[in-house]
PDB file of N, CA and C in Angstrom:
ATOM      1  N   MET A   1      22.246  20.625  46.341  1.00  0.00           N
ATOM      2  CA  MET A   1      20.942  20.887  45.766  1.00  0.00           C
ATOM      3  C   MET A   1      21.119  21.617  44.435  1.00  0.00           C
ATOM      4  N   LYS A   2      20.336  21.227  43.462  1.00  0.00           N
ATOM      5  CA  LYS A   2      20.443  21.795  42.124  1.00  0.00           C
ATOM      6  C   LYS A   2      19.636  23.092  42.033  1.00  0.00           C
ATOM      7  N   ASN A   3      20.228  24.101  41.431  1.00  0.00           N
ATOM      8  CA  ASN A   3      19.519  25.364  41.244  1.00  0.00           C
ATOM      9  C   ASN A   3      18.616  25.269  40.028  1.00  0.00           C
ATOM     10  N   ILE A   4      17.403  25.772  40.152  1.00  0.00           N
ATOM     11  CA  ILE A   4      16.439  25.762  39.062  1.00  0.00           C
ATOM     12  C   ILE A   4      16.707  26.976  38.182  1.00  0.00           C
ATOM     13  N   LEU A   5      16.879  26.747  36.898  1.00  0.00           N
ATOM     14  CA  LEU A   5      17.084  27.821  35.922  1.00  0.00           C
ATOM     15  C   LEU A   5      18.284  28.695  36.265  1.00  0.00           C
ATOM     16  N   PHE A   6      19.287  28.122  36.887  1.00  0.00           N
ATOM     17  CA  PHE A   6      20.531  28.822  37.215  1.00  0.00           C
ATOM     18  C   PHE A   6      20.321  30.036  38.104  1.00  0.00           C
ATOM     19  N   ILE A   7      19.349  29.948  39.023  1.00  0.00           N
ATOM     20  CA  ILE A   7      19.160  31.012  39.996  1.00  0.00           C
ATOM     21  C   ILE A   7      19.413  30.439  41.385  1.00  0.00           C
ATOM     22  N   SER A   8      19.769  31.309  42.300  1.00  0.00           N
ATOM     23  CA  SER A   8      20.114  30.845  43.638  1.00  0.00           C
ATOM     24  C   SER A   8      18.860  30.499  44.437  1.00  0.00           C
ATOM     25  N   ILE A   9      19.072  29.854  45.557  1.00  0.00           N
ATOM     26  CA  ILE A   9      17.976  29.476  46.445  1.00  0.00           C
ATOM     27  C   ILE A   9      17.251  30.732  46.947  1.00  0.00           C
ATOM     28  N   GLU A  10      18.012  31.772  47.267  1.00  0.00           N
ATOM     29  CA  GLU A  10      17.398  33.007  47.755  1.00  0.00           C
ATOM     30  C   GLU A  10      16.484  33.622  46.701  1.00  0.00           C
ATOM     31  N   GLU A  11      16.939  33.612  45.454  1.00  0.00           N
ATOM     32  CA  GLU A  11      16.114  34.165  44.372  1.00  0.00           C
ATOM     33  C   GLU A  11      14.859  33.314  44.170  1.00  0.00           C
ATOM     34  N   SER A  12      15.002  31.996  44.283  1.00  0.00           N
ATOM     35  CA  SER A  12      13.842  31.108  44.152  1.00  0.00           C
ATOM     36  C   SER A  12      12.823  31.395  45.244  1.00  0.00           C
ATOM     37  N   LEU A  13      13.285  31.551  46.472  1.00  0.00           N
ATOM     38  CA  LEU A  13      12.376  31.847  47.583  1.00  0.00           C
ATOM     39  C   LEU A  13      11.694  33.201  47.388  1.00  0.00           C
ATOM     40  N   PHE A  14      12.418  34.183  46.872  1.00  0.00           N
ATOM     41  CA  PHE A  14      11.837  35.493  46.614  1.00  0.00           C
ATOM     42  C   PHE A  14      10.728  35.401  45.567  1.00  0.00           C
ATOM     43  N   ILE A  15      10.951  34.624  44.509  1.00  0.00           N
ATOM     44  CA  ILE A  15       9.943  34.444  43.463  1.00  0.00           C
ATOM     45  C   ILE A  15       8.708  33.754  44.034  1.00  0.00           C
ATOM     46  N   ILE A  16       8.901  32.749  44.878  1.00  0.00           N
ATOM     47  CA  ILE A  16       7.779  32.054  45.511  1.00  0.00           C
ATOM     48  C   ILE A  16       7.002  33.013  46.415  1.00  0.00           C
ATOM     49  N   PHE A  17       7.726  33.841  47.156  1.00  0.00           N
ATOM     50  CA  PHE A  17       7.085  34.828  48.030  1.00  0.00           C
ATOM     51  C   PHE A  17       6.229  35.803  47.230  1.00  0.00           C
ATOM     52  N   ILE A  18       6.756  36.288  46.119  1.00  0.00           N
ATOM     53  CA  ILE A  18       6.005  37.215  45.257  1.00  0.00           C
ATOM     54  C   ILE A  18       4.766  36.516  44.688  1.00  0.00           C
ATOM     55  N   ALA A  19       4.911  35.250  44.276  1.00  0.00           N
ATOM     56  CA  ALA A  19       3.766  34.505  43.737  1.00  0.00           C
ATOM     57  C   ALA A  19       2.671  34.365  44.787  1.00  0.00           C
ATOM     58  N   ILE A  20       3.053  34.108  46.029  1.00  0.00           N
ATOM     59  CA  ILE A  20       2.059  33.988  47.103  1.00  0.00           C
ATOM     60  C   ILE A  20       1.368  35.326  47.336  1.00  0.00           C
ATOM     61  N   LEU A  21       2.124  36.415  47.274  1.00  0.00           N
ATOM     62  CA  LEU A  21       1.513  37.733  47.447  1.00  0.00           C
ATOM     63  C   LEU A  21       0.533  38.055  46.322  1.00  0.00           C
ATOM     64  N   ILE A  22       0.884  37.688  45.101  1.00  0.00           N
ATOM     65  CA  ILE A  22       0.043  38.019  43.950  1.00  0.00           C
ATOM     66  C   ILE A  22      -1.192  37.124  43.884  1.00  0.00           C
ATOM     67  N   PHE A  23      -1.002  35.804  43.981  1.00  0.00           N
ATOM     68  CA  PHE A  23      -2.093  34.865  43.752  1.00  0.00           C
ATOM     69  C   PHE A  23      -2.791  34.407  45.026  1.00  0.00           C
ATOM     70  N   GLY A  24      -2.149  34.534  46.150  1.00  0.00           N
ATOM     71  CA  GLY A  24      -2.725  34.062  47.404  1.00  0.00           C
ATOM     72  C   GLY A  24      -2.377  32.607  47.641  1.00  0.00           C
ATOM     73  N   PRO A  25      -2.243  32.218  48.899  1.00  0.00           N
ATOM     74  CA  PRO A  25      -1.806  30.852  49.213  1.00  0.00           C
ATOM     75  C   PRO A  25      -2.811  29.777  48.794  1.00  0.00           C
ATOM     76  N   LYS A  26      -4.088  30.123  48.684  1.00  0.00           N
ATOM     77  CA  LYS A  26      -5.086  29.115  48.323  1.00  0.00           C
ATOM     78  C   LYS A  26      -5.034  28.763  46.838  1.00  0.00           C
ATOM     79  N   ASN A  27      -4.567  29.682  45.997  1.00  0.00           N
ATOM     80  CA  ASN A  27      -4.552  29.442  44.554  1.00  0.00           C
ATOM     81  C   ASN A  27      -3.270  28.789  44.057  1.00  0.00           C
ATOM     82  N   ILE A  28      -2.210  28.813  44.840  1.00  0.00           N
ATOM     83  CA  ILE A  28      -0.913  28.284  44.405  1.00  0.00           C
ATOM     84  C   ILE A  28      -0.988  26.797  44.021  1.00  0.00           C
ATOM     85  N   PRO A  29      -1.621  25.911  44.818  1.00  0.00           N
ATOM     86  CA  PRO A  29      -1.680  24.494  44.412  1.00  0.00           C
ATOM     87  C   PRO A  29      -2.381  24.287  43.066  1.00  0.00           C
ATOM     88  N   GLY A  30      -3.438  25.030  42.810  1.00  0.00           N
ATOM     89  CA  GLY A  30      -4.133  24.907  41.525  1.00  0.00           C
ATOM     90  C   GLY A  30      -3.266  25.354  40.369  1.00  0.00           C
ATOM     91  N   ILE A  31      -2.531  26.430  40.576  1.00  0.00           N
ATOM     92  CA  ILE A  31      -1.629  26.934  39.531  1.00  0.00           C
ATOM     93  C   ILE A  31      -0.519  25.923  39.274  1.00  0.00           C
ATOM     94  N   ALA A  32       0.054  25.382  40.337  1.00  0.00           N
ATOM     95  CA  ALA A  32       1.122  24.383  40.186  1.00  0.00           C
ATOM     96  C   ALA A  32       0.593  23.133  39.483  1.00  0.00           C
ATOM     97  N   ARG A  33      -0.622  22.718  39.810  1.00  0.00           N
ATOM     98  CA  ARG A  33      -1.232  21.556  39.161  1.00  0.00           C
ATOM     99  C   ARG A  33      -1.419  21.817  37.666  1.00  0.00           C
ATOM    100  N   GLY A  34      -1.882  23.008  37.329  1.00  0.00           N
ATOM    101  CA  GLY A  34      -2.064  23.375  35.927  1.00  0.00           C
ATOM    102  C   GLY A  34      -0.745  23.388  35.174  1.00  0.00           C
ATOM    103  N   LEU A  35       0.302  23.921  35.802  1.00  0.00           N
ATOM    104  CA  LEU A  35       1.616  23.916  35.163  1.00  0.00           C
ATOM    105  C   LEU A  35       2.121  22.493  34.966  1.00  0.00           C
ATOM    106  N   GLY A  36       1.919  21.640  35.957  1.00  0.00           N
ATOM    107  CA  GLY A  36       2.334  20.240  35.836  1.00  0.00           C
ATOM    108  C   GLY A  36       1.607  19.537  34.704  1.00  0.00           C
ATOM    109  N   ASP A  37       0.297  19.788  34.592  1.00  0.00           N
ATOM    110  CA  ASP A  37      -0.475  19.187  33.498  1.00  0.00           C
ATOM    111  C   ASP A  37       0.032  19.670  32.144  1.00  0.00           C
ATOM    112  N   GLY A  38       0.338  20.954  32.058  1.00  0.00           N
ATOM    113  CA  GLY A  38       0.848  21.508  30.798  1.00  0.00           C
ATOM    114  C   GLY A  38       2.181  20.919  30.412  1.00  0.00           C
ATOM    115  N   ILE A  39       3.073  20.780  31.373  1.00  0.00           N
ATOM    116  CA  ILE A  39       4.389  20.200  31.097  1.00  0.00           C
ATOM    117  C   ILE A  39       4.241  18.738  30.689  1.00  0.00           C
ATOM    118  N   ARG A  40       3.369  18.002  31.380  1.00  0.00           N
ATOM    119  CA  ARG A  40       3.113  16.607  31.031  1.00  0.00           C
ATOM    120  C   ARG A  40       2.577  16.485  29.606  1.00  0.00           C
ATOM    121  N   PHE A  41       1.646  17.360  29.225  1.00  0.00           N
ATOM    122  CA  PHE A  41       1.076  17.359  27.877  1.00  0.00           C
ATOM    123  C   PHE A  41       2.160  17.610  26.831  1.00  0.00           C
ATOM    124  N   LEU A  42       3.033  18.586  27.092  1.00  0.00           N
ATOM    125  CA  LEU A  42       4.103  18.889  26.143  1.00  0.00           C
ATOM    126  C   LEU A  42       5.081  17.738  26.005  1.00  0.00           C
ATOM    127  N   LYS A  43       5.422  17.081  27.108  1.00  0.00           N
ATOM    128  CA  LYS A  43       6.327  15.935  27.043  1.00  0.00           C
ATOM    129  C   LYS A  43       5.712  14.795  26.240  1.00  0.00           C
ATOM    130  N   LYS A  44       4.404  14.563  26.449  1.00  0.00           N
ATOM    131  CA  LYS A  44       3.723  13.503  25.718  1.00  0.00           C
ATOM    132  C   LYS A  44       3.691  13.815  24.220  1.00  0.00           C
ATOM    133  N   ALA A  45       3.403  15.059  23.877  1.00  0.00           N
ATOM    134  CA  ALA A  45       3.360  15.462  22.474  1.00  0.00           C
ATOM    135  C   ALA A  45       4.742  15.331  21.841  1.00  0.00           C
ATOM    136  N   LYS A  46       5.772  15.719  22.567  1.00  0.00           N
ATOM    137  CA  LYS A  46       7.144  15.605  22.068  1.00  0.00           C
ATOM    138  C   LYS A  46       7.505  14.142  21.817  1.00  0.00           C
ATOM    139  N   ARG A  47       7.104  13.271  22.743  1.00  0.00           N
ATOM    140  CA  ARG A  47       7.387  11.841  22.597  1.00  0.00           C
ATOM    141  C   ARG A  47       6.664  11.272  21.375  1.00  0.00           C
ATOM    142  N   LYS A  48       5.406  11.671  21.162  1.00  0.00           N
ATOM    143  CA  LYS A  48       4.649  11.182  20.008  1.00  0.00           C
ATOM    144  C   LYS A  48       5.292  11.623  18.703  1.00  0.00           C
ATOM    145  N   ILE A  49       5.700  12.884  18.632  1.00  0.00           N
ATOM    146  CA  ILE A  49       6.345  13.391  17.416  1.00  0.00           C
ATOM    147  C   ILE A  49       7.653  12.661  17.169  1.00  0.00           C
ATOM    148  N   LYS A  50       8.431  12.444  18.223  1.00  0.00           N
ATOM    149  CA  LYS A  50       9.709  11.745  18.089  1.00  0.00           C
ATOM    150  C   LYS A  50       9.493  10.323  17.604  1.00  0.00           C
ATOM    151  N   ASP A  51       8.462   9.637  18.155  1.00  0.00           N
ATOM    152  CA  ASP A  51       8.169   8.266  17.739  1.00  0.00           C
ATOM    153  C   ASP A  51       7.745   8.213  16.275  1.00  0.00           C
ATOM    154  N   GLU A  52       6.952   9.187  15.818  1.00  0.00           N
ATOM    155  CA  GLU A  52       6.523   9.209  14.427  1.00  0.00           C
ATOM    156  C   GLU A  52       7.686   9.448  13.484  1.00  0.00           C
ATOM    157  N   ILE A  53       8.623  10.295  13.888  1.00  0.00           N
ATOM    158  CA  ILE A  53       9.783  10.589  13.040  1.00  0.00           C
ATOM    159  C   ILE A  53      10.687   9.352  12.954  1.00  0.00           C
ATOM    160  N   GLU A  54      10.892   8.662  14.055  1.00  0.00           N
ATOM    161  CA  GLU A  54      11.775   7.496  14.079  1.00  0.00           C
ATOM    162  C   GLU A  54      11.141   6.276  13.434  1.00  0.00           C
ATOM    163  N   TRP A  55       9.851   6.237  13.298  1.00  0.00           N
ATOM    164  CA  TRP A  55       9.166   5.085  12.736  1.00  0.00           C
ATOM    165  C   TRP A  55       9.343   5.042  11.276  1.00  0.00           C
TER     166      TRP A  55
END
């Protein structure tokens, strides 16, 4: 299994646990969805800029 951001599985689980304590289990899916949308937007913008430069 690949480590995310060069941290161990235990550290990842600890971060997830802290996030659940801070935001609550009901808000986590919405936050994750928002992060996914943001990452998707940035990838799309990067692709558009790259295409314009190569054109």
